[in-house]
Amino acid sequence: MLQKCRLPHLITAVLCLEVAIYLWAVWTSTLDSGNFFAITPEFIFDKCARNAGRVSSGINLLILLLVGHKGLSAIFRNGSSRIELLVLITLFSINHLIHLFFVIQNFAHHGMDLSIGENLHGFLTFFLIVIVPVVLWMSHEFGPALYVLIIFHLLNISYFTMETFLSKVKPGKPAYHEQLGMAITLLACVYVMHSVVRDYKTHLRAVGVPRR
């Protein structure tokens, strides 16, 4: 399913999903205030941003599980696995750019400034979200630098994901589903780091370094 030839169809599916998220938010703004899903019109883009972010979190989780299960080195030795990873990273990037669009619209709608200086880490992360897929599709060789870039990129995104989950947990509002999302993401990151250690041990055996 995650093949290069199907990437246009998968991108279209992501775009359709985001349109559905927007239409859902607009529709819920017309519901009676007593309805569980009801929101006021000024929070349409807020709801869009939250749901688009959840889609990104889901795609990121799939990437983490893929890397944790197969290991990054093994993925890049296998042509089909490499394409699977690149397709997922590309889909994440496209979806998260739409998420950013919703965030910007939400800020603008509420008259708030989205300052680069105050959100430098976030803007650098979004820069990487755009650049990393391009670098991966253009790279013909897999070396230590690319390995480190991918792992750093995934962990950095996961950090932001967990930070977002944590921000929803407040006194008197435990938000258990957010805590669950944070725990699952953290465990997936540990799984990825386990694969990094596994790759390192495999590399040591390959170069003939004796085990202690």
N, C-alpha and C. Protein backbone atom coordinates (compact mmCIF):
# COMPACT_ATOMS: atom_id res chain seq x y z
N MET A 1 0.83 -1.21 0.00
CA MET A 1 0.00 0.00 0.00
C MET A 1 0.86 1.26 0.00
N LEU A 2 1.90 1.29 0.83
CA LEU A 2 2.77 2.47 0.92
C LEU A 2 3.85 2.41 -0.15
N GLN A 3 3.43 2.51 -1.39
CA GLN A 3 4.35 2.46 -2.52
C GLN A 3 4.46 3.84 -3.16
N LYS A 4 5.60 4.07 -3.82
CA LYS A 4 5.84 5.38 -4.42
C LYS A 4 4.78 5.71 -5.46
N CYS A 5 4.35 4.71 -6.23
CA CYS A 5 3.36 4.96 -7.29
C CYS A 5 2.00 5.36 -6.72
N ARG A 6 1.77 5.02 -5.45
CA ARG A 6 0.49 5.35 -4.82
C ARG A 6 0.55 6.65 -4.01
N LEU A 7 1.72 7.28 -3.98
CA LEU A 7 1.87 8.49 -3.17
C LEU A 7 0.86 9.58 -3.55
N PRO A 8 0.64 9.85 -4.86
CA PRO A 8 -0.37 10.88 -5.20
C PRO A 8 -1.75 10.56 -4.63
N HIS A 9 -2.13 9.27 -4.67
CA HIS A 9 -3.43 8.87 -4.13
C HIS A 9 -3.48 9.04 -2.62
N LEU A 10 -2.36 8.71 -1.95
CA LEU A 10 -2.30 8.84 -0.49
C LEU A 10 -2.33 10.31 -0.08
N ILE A 11 -1.64 11.16 -0.85
CA ILE A 11 -1.67 12.60 -0.58
C ILE A 11 -3.09 13.14 -0.75
N THR A 12 -3.76 12.68 -1.81
CA THR A 12 -5.15 13.09 -2.04
C THR A 12 -6.04 12.66 -0.88
N ALA A 13 -5.79 11.45 -0.36
CA ALA A 13 -6.57 10.96 0.78
C ALA A 13 -6.37 11.84 2.01
N VAL A 14 -5.12 12.26 2.24
CA VAL A 14 -4.83 13.15 3.37
C VAL A 14 -5.54 14.49 3.19
N LEU A 15 -5.48 15.04 1.98
CA LEU A 15 -6.14 16.32 1.70
C LEU A 15 -7.65 16.21 1.90
N CYS A 16 -8.22 15.11 1.44
CA CYS A 16 -9.67 14.90 1.62
C CYS A 16 -10.03 14.78 3.10
N LEU A 17 -9.17 14.10 3.85
CA LEU A 17 -9.40 13.97 5.29
C LEU A 17 -9.39 15.34 5.97
N GLU A 18 -8.45 16.19 5.57
CA GLU A 18 -8.37 17.53 6.17
C GLU A 18 -9.56 18.40 5.76
N VAL A 19 -10.04 18.24 4.55
CA VAL A 19 -11.26 18.95 4.14
C VAL A 19 -12.44 18.48 4.99
N ALA A 20 -12.51 17.16 5.22
CA ALA A 20 -13.57 16.61 6.06
C ALA A 20 -13.48 17.15 7.49
N ILE A 21 -12.25 17.29 7.99
CA ILE A 21 -12.05 17.87 9.33
C ILE A 21 -12.58 19.30 9.38
N TYR A 22 -12.30 20.06 8.34
CA TYR A 22 -12.78 21.45 8.29
C TYR A 22 -14.32 21.49 8.23
N LEU A 23 -14.90 20.67 7.36
CA LEU A 23 -16.36 20.66 7.21
C LEU A 23 -17.03 20.19 8.50
N TRP A 24 -16.40 19.23 9.18
CA TRP A 24 -16.91 18.76 10.47
C TRP A 24 -16.92 19.90 11.49
N ALA A 25 -15.83 20.67 11.53
CA ALA A 25 -15.74 21.79 12.47
C ALA A 25 -16.80 22.84 12.16
N VAL A 26 -16.98 23.13 10.87
CA VAL A 26 -18.00 24.11 10.47
C VAL A 26 -19.38 23.63 10.88
N TRP A 27 -19.66 22.34 10.64
CA TRP A 27 -20.97 21.79 10.97
C TRP A 27 -21.23 21.83 12.48
N THR A 28 -20.22 21.48 13.28
CA THR A 28 -20.41 21.48 14.73
C THR A 28 -20.61 22.90 15.28
N SER A 29 -20.19 23.91 14.51
CA SER A 29 -20.41 25.29 14.95
C SER A 29 -21.87 25.72 14.78
N THR A 30 -22.65 24.89 14.07
CA THR A 30 -24.07 25.21 13.86
C THR A 30 -24.98 24.45 14.82
N LEU A 31 -24.40 23.57 15.64
CA LEU A 31 -25.19 22.74 16.54
C LEU A 31 -25.64 23.53 17.76
N ASP A 32 -26.69 23.03 18.39
CA ASP A 32 -27.18 23.64 19.62
C ASP A 32 -26.11 23.54 20.70
N SER A 33 -26.02 24.55 21.55
CA SER A 33 -24.96 24.60 22.56
C SER A 33 -24.99 23.42 23.52
N GLY A 34 -26.12 22.75 23.63
CA GLY A 34 -26.22 21.60 24.52
C GLY A 34 -25.62 20.33 23.93
N ASN A 35 -25.32 20.35 22.65
CA ASN A 35 -24.72 19.18 22.00
C ASN A 35 -23.27 19.02 22.42
N PHE A 36 -22.86 17.77 22.66
CA PHE A 36 -21.50 17.49 23.13
C PHE A 36 -20.44 18.01 22.17
N PHE A 37 -20.70 17.94 20.87
CA PHE A 37 -19.72 18.33 19.85
C PHE A 37 -19.79 19.81 19.47
N ALA A 38 -20.75 20.52 20.02
CA ALA A 38 -20.98 21.90 19.60
C ALA A 38 -19.82 22.83 19.96
N ILE A 39 -19.49 23.73 19.05
CA ILE A 39 -18.51 24.78 19.30
C ILE A 39 -19.08 26.09 18.77
N THR A 40 -18.51 27.20 19.20
CA THR A 40 -18.91 28.49 18.65
C THR A 40 -18.06 28.77 17.41
N PRO A 41 -18.58 29.56 16.46
CA PRO A 41 -17.89 29.77 15.17
C PRO A 41 -16.45 30.23 15.28
N GLU A 42 -16.12 31.00 16.32
CA GLU A 42 -14.74 31.52 16.42
C GLU A 42 -13.72 30.43 16.73
N PHE A 43 -14.20 29.23 17.08
CA PHE A 43 -13.28 28.15 17.41
C PHE A 43 -13.22 27.08 16.31
N ILE A 44 -13.70 27.42 15.12
CA ILE A 44 -13.66 26.46 14.01
C ILE A 44 -12.23 26.05 13.69
N PHE A 45 -11.34 27.04 13.51
CA PHE A 45 -9.96 26.71 13.15
C PHE A 45 -9.19 26.09 14.31
N ASP A 46 -9.60 26.42 15.53
CA ASP A 46 -9.00 25.77 16.69
C ASP A 46 -9.29 24.27 16.67
N LYS A 47 -10.54 23.94 16.38
CA LYS A 47 -10.93 22.53 16.31
C LYS A 47 -10.24 21.84 15.13
N CYS A 48 -10.14 22.53 14.01
CA CYS A 48 -9.43 21.98 12.84
C CYS A 48 -7.98 21.69 13.18
N ALA A 49 -7.32 22.64 13.86
CA ALA A 49 -5.91 22.47 14.21
C ALA A 49 -5.72 21.28 15.14
N ARG A 50 -6.62 21.14 16.12
CA ARG A 50 -6.49 20.02 17.07
C ARG A 50 -6.66 18.68 16.37
N ASN A 51 -7.67 18.57 15.52
CA ASN A 51 -7.91 17.29 14.84
C ASN A 51 -6.84 16.98 13.80
N ALA A 52 -6.36 18.01 13.10
CA ALA A 52 -5.26 17.80 12.15
C ALA A 52 -4.00 17.37 12.90
N GLY A 53 -3.79 17.94 14.08
CA GLY A 53 -2.65 17.54 14.90
C GLY A 53 -2.75 16.09 15.34
N ARG A 54 -3.96 15.63 15.61
CA ARG A 54 -4.15 14.23 16.00
C ARG A 54 -3.84 13.29 14.84
N VAL A 55 -4.20 13.70 13.63
CA VAL A 55 -3.85 12.90 12.45
C VAL A 55 -2.33 12.81 12.32
N SER A 56 -1.65 13.95 12.50
CA SER A 56 -0.19 13.96 12.44
C SER A 56 0.41 13.05 13.50
N SER A 57 -0.16 13.08 14.70
CA SER A 57 0.33 12.22 15.79
C SER A 57 0.20 10.75 15.42
N GLY A 58 -0.91 10.41 14.76
CA GLY A 58 -1.12 9.03 14.34
C GLY A 58 -0.11 8.59 13.29
N ILE A 59 0.15 9.46 12.31
CA ILE A 59 1.13 9.13 11.27
C ILE A 59 2.52 9.02 11.88
N ASN A 60 2.85 9.94 12.79
CA ASN A 60 4.15 9.89 13.45
C ASN A 60 4.32 8.60 14.24
N LEU A 61 3.25 8.15 14.88
CA LEU A 61 3.30 6.90 15.64
C LEU A 61 3.60 5.72 14.71
N LEU A 62 2.99 5.70 13.54
CA LEU A 62 3.26 4.64 12.56
C LEU A 62 4.73 4.64 12.15
N ILE A 63 5.29 5.84 11.97
CA ILE A 63 6.71 5.95 11.59
C ILE A 63 7.59 5.42 12.70
N LEU A 64 7.30 5.80 13.95
CA LEU A 64 8.09 5.34 15.09
C LEU A 64 8.04 3.82 15.21
N LEU A 65 6.86 3.25 15.04
CA LEU A 65 6.72 1.80 15.15
C LEU A 65 7.46 1.08 14.02
N LEU A 66 7.41 1.65 12.83
CA LEU A 66 8.13 1.06 11.70
C LEU A 66 9.63 1.05 11.95
N VAL A 67 10.17 2.19 12.40
CA VAL A 67 11.60 2.29 12.67
C VAL A 67 11.98 1.41 13.85
N GLY A 68 11.15 1.40 14.88
CA GLY A 68 11.45 0.57 16.04
C GLY A 68 11.44 -0.91 15.72
N HIS A 69 10.51 -1.32 14.87
CA HIS A 69 10.37 -2.74 14.54
C HIS A 69 11.47 -3.24 13.62
N LYS A 70 11.74 -2.51 12.56
CA LYS A 70 12.70 -2.97 11.56
C LYS A 70 14.11 -2.45 11.77
N GLY A 71 14.24 -1.29 12.39
CA GLY A 71 15.55 -0.66 12.53
C GLY A 71 15.86 0.17 11.29
N LEU A 72 16.41 1.35 11.50
CA LEU A 72 16.63 2.28 10.39
C LEU A 72 17.61 1.73 9.36
N SER A 73 18.66 1.07 9.84
CA SER A 73 19.65 0.51 8.91
C SER A 73 19.03 -0.55 8.01
N ALA A 74 18.23 -1.43 8.61
CA ALA A 74 17.57 -2.49 7.83
C ALA A 74 16.57 -1.90 6.85
N ILE A 75 15.89 -0.85 7.26
CA ILE A 75 14.92 -0.20 6.38
C ILE A 75 15.59 0.32 5.12
N PHE A 76 16.76 0.94 5.27
CA PHE A 76 17.43 1.52 4.11
C PHE A 76 18.19 0.47 3.29
N ARG A 77 18.34 -0.73 3.83
CA ARG A 77 18.91 -1.82 3.02
C ARG A 77 17.84 -2.50 2.18
N ASN A 78 16.60 -2.29 2.54
CA ASN A 78 15.48 -2.91 1.84
C ASN A 78 14.72 -1.84 1.06
N GLY A 79 14.70 -1.98 -0.25
CA GLY A 79 14.09 -0.96 -1.09
C GLY A 79 12.64 -0.66 -0.76
N SER A 80 11.83 -1.69 -0.55
CA SER A 80 10.40 -1.47 -0.28
C SER A 80 10.18 -0.83 1.09
N SER A 81 10.97 -1.24 2.08
CA SER A 81 10.85 -0.65 3.42
C SER A 81 11.26 0.81 3.40
N ARG A 82 12.29 1.12 2.63
CA ARG A 82 12.74 2.52 2.51
C ARG A 82 11.63 3.39 1.93
N ILE A 83 10.97 2.88 0.90
CA ILE A 83 9.88 3.64 0.27
C ILE A 83 8.73 3.82 1.26
N GLU A 84 8.43 2.77 2.04
CA GLU A 84 7.37 2.88 3.04
C GLU A 84 7.67 4.01 4.02
N LEU A 85 8.91 4.07 4.50
CA LEU A 85 9.30 5.11 5.44
C LEU A 85 9.19 6.49 4.80
N LEU A 86 9.71 6.63 3.60
CA LEU A 86 9.68 7.93 2.92
C LEU A 86 8.26 8.39 2.62
N VAL A 87 7.40 7.46 2.26
CA VAL A 87 6.00 7.81 2.00
C VAL A 87 5.33 8.31 3.28
N LEU A 88 5.55 7.60 4.38
CA LEU A 88 4.96 8.02 5.65
C LEU A 88 5.47 9.39 6.10
N ILE A 89 6.79 9.60 5.96
CA ILE A 89 7.36 10.89 6.35
C ILE A 89 6.81 12.01 5.47
N THR A 90 6.62 11.73 4.19
CA THR A 90 6.05 12.72 3.28
C THR A 90 4.60 13.05 3.64
N LEU A 91 3.82 12.02 3.93
CA LEU A 91 2.43 12.23 4.32
C LEU A 91 2.34 13.03 5.61
N PHE A 92 3.24 12.71 6.55
CA PHE A 92 3.26 13.47 7.80
C PHE A 92 3.54 14.94 7.52
N SER A 93 4.52 15.21 6.67
CA SER A 93 4.90 16.59 6.38
C SER A 93 3.74 17.37 5.76
N ILE A 94 3.08 16.76 4.79
CA ILE A 94 1.96 17.44 4.13
C ILE A 94 0.83 17.70 5.11
N ASN A 95 0.49 16.68 5.91
CA ASN A 95 -0.59 16.85 6.87
C ASN A 95 -0.25 17.91 7.92
N HIS A 96 1.02 17.92 8.35
CA HIS A 96 1.38 18.86 9.40
C HIS A 96 1.46 20.30 8.88
N LEU A 97 1.76 20.46 7.61
CA LEU A 97 1.72 21.80 7.02
C LEU A 97 0.28 22.33 6.99
N ILE A 98 -0.66 21.43 6.75
CA ILE A 98 -2.07 21.82 6.81
C ILE A 98 -2.44 22.18 8.25
N HIS A 99 -1.92 21.39 9.20
CA HIS A 99 -2.12 21.70 10.62
C HIS A 99 -1.60 23.10 10.94
N LEU A 100 -0.42 23.44 10.41
CA LEU A 100 0.15 24.77 10.63
C LEU A 100 -0.75 25.85 10.03
N PHE A 101 -1.31 25.57 8.86
CA PHE A 101 -2.24 26.53 8.24
C PHE A 101 -3.42 26.80 9.16
N PHE A 102 -3.98 25.73 9.73
CA PHE A 102 -5.11 25.90 10.65
C PHE A 102 -4.69 26.69 11.89
N VAL A 103 -3.49 26.42 12.40
CA VAL A 103 -2.99 27.14 13.58
C VAL A 103 -2.87 28.63 13.27
N ILE A 104 -2.27 28.95 12.11
CA ILE A 104 -2.11 30.35 11.71
C ILE A 104 -3.47 31.04 11.57
N GLN A 105 -4.42 30.34 10.95
CA GLN A 105 -5.76 30.91 10.79
C GLN A 105 -6.43 31.13 12.14
N ASN A 106 -6.21 30.20 13.06
CA ASN A 106 -6.79 30.34 14.40
C ASN A 106 -6.21 31.55 15.13
N PHE A 107 -4.89 31.72 15.03
CA PHE A 107 -4.24 32.88 15.64
C PHE A 107 -4.77 34.17 15.03
N ALA A 108 -4.86 34.20 13.70
CA ALA A 108 -5.33 35.40 13.01
C ALA A 108 -6.77 35.72 13.38
N HIS A 109 -7.59 34.68 13.49
CA HIS A 109 -9.01 34.87 13.80
C HIS A 109 -9.19 35.48 15.18
N HIS A 110 -8.29 35.13 16.10
CA HIS A 110 -8.38 35.64 17.47
C HIS A 110 -7.50 36.87 17.70
N GLY A 111 -6.90 37.37 16.61
CA GLY A 111 -6.09 38.58 16.72
C GLY A 111 -4.80 38.40 17.49
N MET A 112 -4.27 37.18 17.47
CA MET A 112 -3.02 36.90 18.19
C MET A 112 -1.86 36.85 17.20
N ASP A 113 -0.69 37.24 17.68
CA ASP A 113 0.51 37.22 16.85
C ASP A 113 1.24 35.89 17.03
N LEU A 114 1.68 35.31 15.91
CA LEU A 114 2.47 34.09 15.95
C LEU A 114 3.93 34.49 15.77
N SER A 115 4.59 34.80 16.88
CA SER A 115 5.95 35.33 16.85
C SER A 115 6.99 34.24 16.63
N ILE A 116 7.87 34.46 15.65
CA ILE A 116 8.94 33.50 15.38
C ILE A 116 9.92 33.47 16.55
N GLY A 117 10.20 34.65 17.11
CA GLY A 117 11.16 34.72 18.21
C GLY A 117 10.72 33.92 19.42
N GLU A 118 9.42 33.95 19.71
CA GLU A 118 8.90 33.22 20.86
C GLU A 118 8.67 31.75 20.56
N ASN A 119 8.65 31.39 19.30
CA ASN A 119 8.40 30.00 18.91
C ASN A 119 9.50 29.49 17.97
N LEU A 120 10.76 29.88 18.27
CA LEU A 120 11.86 29.56 17.37
C LEU A 120 12.03 28.06 17.18
N HIS A 121 11.96 27.32 18.27
CA HIS A 121 12.10 25.86 18.18
C HIS A 121 11.01 25.27 17.29
N GLY A 122 9.79 25.78 17.46
CA GLY A 122 8.69 25.28 16.65
C GLY A 122 8.86 25.59 15.18
N PHE A 123 9.34 26.79 14.86
CA PHE A 123 9.54 27.16 13.46
C PHE A 123 10.69 26.36 12.84
N LEU A 124 11.74 26.11 13.62
CA LEU A 124 12.84 25.28 13.12
C LEU A 124 12.36 23.85 12.86
N THR A 125 11.48 23.39 13.73
CA THR A 125 10.93 22.04 13.55
C THR A 125 10.10 21.97 12.28
N PHE A 126 9.29 22.98 12.02
CA PHE A 126 8.49 23.00 10.79
C PHE A 126 9.38 23.11 9.56
N PHE A 127 10.49 23.83 9.70
CA PHE A 127 11.46 23.90 8.60
C PHE A 127 11.99 22.50 8.28
N LEU A 128 12.33 21.75 9.32
CA LEU A 128 12.81 20.38 9.12
C LEU A 128 11.72 19.49 8.54
N ILE A 129 10.49 19.72 8.96
CA ILE A 129 9.37 18.93 8.44
C ILE A 129 9.25 19.07 6.93
N VAL A 130 9.57 20.26 6.43
CA VAL A 130 9.53 20.51 4.98
C VAL A 130 10.77 19.95 4.30
N ILE A 131 11.94 20.13 4.92
CA ILE A 131 13.21 19.79 4.28
C ILE A 131 13.52 18.31 4.31
N VAL A 132 13.25 17.65 5.42
CA VAL A 132 13.66 16.24 5.58
C VAL A 132 13.11 15.33 4.48
N PRO A 133 11.83 15.39 4.11
CA PRO A 133 11.36 14.53 3.02
C PRO A 133 12.11 14.78 1.71
N VAL A 134 12.41 16.04 1.42
CA VAL A 134 13.14 16.38 0.19
C VAL A 134 14.53 15.76 0.22
N VAL A 135 15.20 15.90 1.36
CA VAL A 135 16.55 15.34 1.52
C VAL A 135 16.52 13.83 1.35
N LEU A 136 15.53 13.18 1.95
CA LEU A 136 15.46 11.71 1.89
C LEU A 136 15.18 11.21 0.47
N TRP A 137 14.28 11.87 -0.24
CA TRP A 137 13.98 11.44 -1.61
C TRP A 137 15.15 11.66 -2.55
N MET A 138 15.97 12.68 -2.26
CA MET A 138 17.10 13.00 -3.13
C MET A 138 18.37 12.24 -2.77
N SER A 139 18.40 11.65 -1.57
CA SER A 139 19.62 10.96 -1.11
C SER A 139 19.73 9.59 -1.76
N HIS A 140 20.90 9.32 -2.32
CA HIS A 140 21.15 8.02 -2.94
C HIS A 140 22.02 7.12 -2.07
N GLU A 141 22.62 7.70 -1.04
CA GLU A 141 23.45 6.93 -0.13
C GLU A 141 22.96 7.15 1.30
N PHE A 142 23.05 6.08 2.08
CA PHE A 142 22.63 6.14 3.48
C PHE A 142 23.85 6.03 4.36
N GLY A 143 24.14 7.09 5.10
CA GLY A 143 25.31 7.11 5.97
C GLY A 143 24.95 7.58 7.37
N PRO A 144 25.95 7.72 8.24
CA PRO A 144 25.72 8.13 9.63
C PRO A 144 24.98 9.47 9.75
N ALA A 145 25.33 10.44 8.88
CA ALA A 145 24.69 11.76 8.98
C ALA A 145 23.19 11.67 8.73
N LEU A 146 22.80 10.90 7.73
CA LEU A 146 21.38 10.74 7.42
C LEU A 146 20.67 9.97 8.53
N TYR A 147 21.36 8.99 9.07
CA TYR A 147 20.81 8.20 10.19
C TYR A 147 20.49 9.12 11.36
N VAL A 148 21.47 9.94 11.74
CA VAL A 148 21.30 10.85 12.88
C VAL A 148 20.19 11.86 12.59
N LEU A 149 20.15 12.38 11.37
CA LEU A 149 19.12 13.36 10.99
C LEU A 149 17.73 12.79 11.17
N ILE A 150 17.51 11.57 10.69
CA ILE A 150 16.18 10.96 10.77
C ILE A 150 15.78 10.71 12.21
N ILE A 151 16.69 10.12 13.00
CA ILE A 151 16.37 9.83 14.40
C ILE A 151 16.09 11.12 15.17
N PHE A 152 16.94 12.13 14.96
CA PHE A 152 16.73 13.42 15.63
C PHE A 152 15.38 14.02 15.22
N HIS A 153 15.08 13.96 13.95
CA HIS A 153 13.83 14.51 13.42
C HIS A 153 12.62 13.82 14.07
N LEU A 154 12.65 12.51 14.14
CA LEU A 154 11.52 11.76 14.72
C LEU A 154 11.36 12.05 16.20
N LEU A 155 12.47 12.09 16.93
CA LEU A 155 12.40 12.35 18.37
C LEU A 155 11.97 13.79 18.65
N ASN A 156 12.41 14.71 17.81
CA ASN A 156 12.03 16.11 17.98
C ASN A 156 10.53 16.30 17.75
N ILE A 157 10.02 15.68 16.71
CA ILE A 157 8.57 15.74 16.45
C ILE A 157 7.80 15.11 17.60
N SER A 158 8.30 13.99 18.09
CA SER A 158 7.62 13.29 19.19
C SER A 158 7.63 14.13 20.46
N TYR A 159 8.73 14.86 20.67
CA TYR A 159 8.80 15.77 21.82
C TYR A 159 7.69 16.81 21.75
N PHE A 160 7.51 17.40 20.57
CA PHE A 160 6.46 18.40 20.40
C PHE A 160 5.09 17.78 20.59
N THR A 161 4.93 16.55 20.10
CA THR A 161 3.65 15.86 20.25
C THR A 161 3.33 15.65 21.72
N MET A 162 4.31 15.16 22.48
CA MET A 162 4.09 14.91 23.91
C MET A 162 3.88 16.22 24.67
N GLU A 163 4.58 17.26 24.26
CA GLU A 163 4.41 18.57 24.89
C GLU A 163 2.99 19.08 24.68
N THR A 164 2.46 18.85 23.49
CA THR A 164 1.08 19.26 23.19
C THR A 164 0.09 18.47 24.04
N PHE A 165 0.31 17.16 24.14
CA PHE A 165 -0.56 16.33 25.00
C PHE A 165 -0.52 16.83 26.44
N LEU A 166 0.69 17.11 26.93
CA LEU A 166 0.86 17.53 28.32
C LEU A 166 0.19 18.87 28.60
N SER A 167 0.19 19.76 27.61
CA SER A 167 -0.41 21.09 27.81
C SER A 167 -1.92 21.02 28.03
N LYS A 168 -2.52 19.90 27.61
CA LYS A 168 -3.97 19.74 27.78
C LYS A 168 -4.32 19.20 29.16
N VAL A 169 -3.34 18.70 29.90
CA VAL A 169 -3.57 18.15 31.24
C VAL A 169 -3.41 19.27 32.27
N LYS A 170 -4.51 19.59 32.95
CA LYS A 170 -4.50 20.69 33.91
C LYS A 170 -5.20 20.26 35.19
N PRO A 171 -4.95 20.97 36.30
CA PRO A 171 -5.62 20.64 37.56
C PRO A 171 -7.14 20.62 37.39
N GLY A 172 -7.74 19.53 37.82
CA GLY A 172 -9.18 19.39 37.67
C GLY A 172 -9.62 18.93 36.30
N LYS A 173 -8.67 18.79 35.39
CA LYS A 173 -8.98 18.33 34.03
C LYS A 173 -7.89 17.34 33.62
N PRO A 174 -8.01 16.09 34.08
CA PRO A 174 -6.93 15.11 33.84
C PRO A 174 -6.70 14.76 32.38
N ALA A 175 -7.72 14.90 31.53
CA ALA A 175 -7.57 14.60 30.09
C ALA A 175 -6.85 13.27 29.89
N TYR A 176 -7.49 12.21 30.33
CA TYR A 176 -6.84 10.89 30.31
C TYR A 176 -6.45 10.45 28.90
N HIS A 177 -7.24 10.82 27.91
CA HIS A 177 -6.89 10.43 26.53
C HIS A 177 -5.61 11.11 26.08
N GLU A 178 -5.38 12.35 26.57
CA GLU A 178 -4.13 13.03 26.24
C GLU A 178 -2.95 12.37 26.95
N GLN A 179 -3.16 11.96 28.19
CA GLN A 179 -2.12 11.25 28.94
C GLN A 179 -1.79 9.92 28.26
N LEU A 180 -2.82 9.25 27.77
CA LEU A 180 -2.60 7.98 27.07
C LEU A 180 -1.80 8.21 25.80
N GLY A 181 -2.14 9.26 25.05
CA GLY A 181 -1.39 9.58 23.84
C GLY A 181 0.07 9.88 24.13
N MET A 182 0.31 10.60 25.23
CA MET A 182 1.68 10.92 25.62
C MET A 182 2.45 9.66 25.99
N ALA A 183 1.80 8.76 26.75
CA ALA A 183 2.46 7.52 27.16
C ALA A 183 2.79 6.63 25.97
N ILE A 184 1.85 6.53 25.02
CA ILE A 184 2.08 5.70 23.84
C ILE A 184 3.22 6.26 23.00
N THR A 185 3.24 7.58 22.82
CA THR A 185 4.32 8.21 22.05
C THR A 185 5.66 8.00 22.73
N LEU A 186 5.70 8.14 24.06
CA LEU A 186 6.94 7.94 24.80
C LEU A 186 7.44 6.51 24.65
N LEU A 187 6.54 5.54 24.76
CA LEU A 187 6.93 4.14 24.60
C LEU A 187 7.44 3.87 23.19
N ALA A 188 6.82 4.50 22.21
CA ALA A 188 7.27 4.34 20.82
C ALA A 188 8.66 4.92 20.64
N CYS A 189 8.96 6.03 21.31
CA CYS A 189 10.30 6.63 21.24
C CYS A 189 11.34 5.69 21.87
N VAL A 190 10.97 5.08 22.99
CA VAL A 190 11.86 4.10 23.63
C VAL A 190 12.12 2.93 22.68
N TYR A 191 11.07 2.52 21.99
CA TYR A 191 11.19 1.43 21.00
C TYR A 191 12.18 1.81 19.90
N VAL A 192 12.10 3.06 19.44
CA VAL A 192 13.03 3.55 18.42
C VAL A 192 14.46 3.56 18.94
N MET A 193 14.66 4.03 20.17
CA MET A 193 16.01 4.07 20.74
C MET A 193 16.57 2.67 20.94
N HIS A 194 15.68 1.72 21.25
CA HIS A 194 16.12 0.32 21.34
C HIS A 194 16.63 -0.16 19.99
N SER A 195 15.96 0.26 18.92
CA SER A 195 16.41 -0.14 17.58
C SER A 195 17.74 0.52 17.23
N VAL A 196 17.97 1.73 17.75
CA VAL A 196 19.25 2.41 17.52
C VAL A 196 20.38 1.63 18.19
N VAL A 197 20.16 1.20 19.42
CA VAL A 197 21.16 0.39 20.13
C VAL A 197 21.39 -0.92 19.39
N ARG A 198 20.32 -1.51 18.89
CA ARG A 198 20.42 -2.76 18.13
C ARG A 198 21.25 -2.56 16.86
N ASP A 199 21.00 -1.44 16.16
CA ASP A 199 21.78 -1.13 14.96
C ASP A 199 23.26 -0.94 15.29
N TYR A 200 23.51 -0.28 16.42
CA TYR A 200 24.89 -0.01 16.82
C TYR A 200 25.63 -1.31 17.12
N LYS A 201 24.98 -2.23 17.82
CA LYS A 201 25.60 -3.51 18.12
C LYS A 201 25.85 -4.31 16.84
N THR A 202 24.91 -4.24 15.92
CA THR A 202 25.08 -4.93 14.63
C THR A 202 26.26 -4.36 13.87
N HIS A 203 26.41 -3.04 13.92
CA HIS A 203 27.54 -2.38 13.25
C HIS A 203 28.87 -2.81 13.87
N LEU A 204 28.91 -2.90 15.19
CA LEU A 204 30.15 -3.32 15.86
C LEU A 204 30.53 -4.73 15.47
N ARG A 205 29.55 -5.62 15.38
CA ARG A 205 29.85 -6.99 14.97
C ARG A 205 30.33 -7.04 13.53
N ALA A 206 29.75 -6.16 12.68
CA ALA A 206 30.12 -6.15 11.26
C ALA A 206 31.56 -5.70 11.05
N VAL A 207 32.04 -4.77 11.88
CA VAL A 207 33.41 -4.28 11.72
C VAL A 207 34.40 -5.06 12.56
N GLY A 208 33.89 -6.08 13.24
CA GLY A 208 34.79 -6.97 13.97
C GLY A 208 35.25 -6.48 15.32
N VAL A 209 34.48 -5.56 15.94
CA VAL A 209 34.84 -5.09 17.28
C VAL A 209 34.42 -6.14 18.29
N PRO A 210 35.34 -6.63 19.12
CA PRO A 210 35.00 -7.67 20.07
C PRO A 210 34.00 -7.19 21.12
N ARG A 211 33.08 -8.04 21.49
CA ARG A 211 32.10 -7.70 22.51
C ARG A 211 32.72 -7.86 23.89
N ARG A 212 32.36 -6.97 24.79
CA ARG A 212 32.88 -7.03 26.16
C ARG A 212 31.96 -7.87 27.03
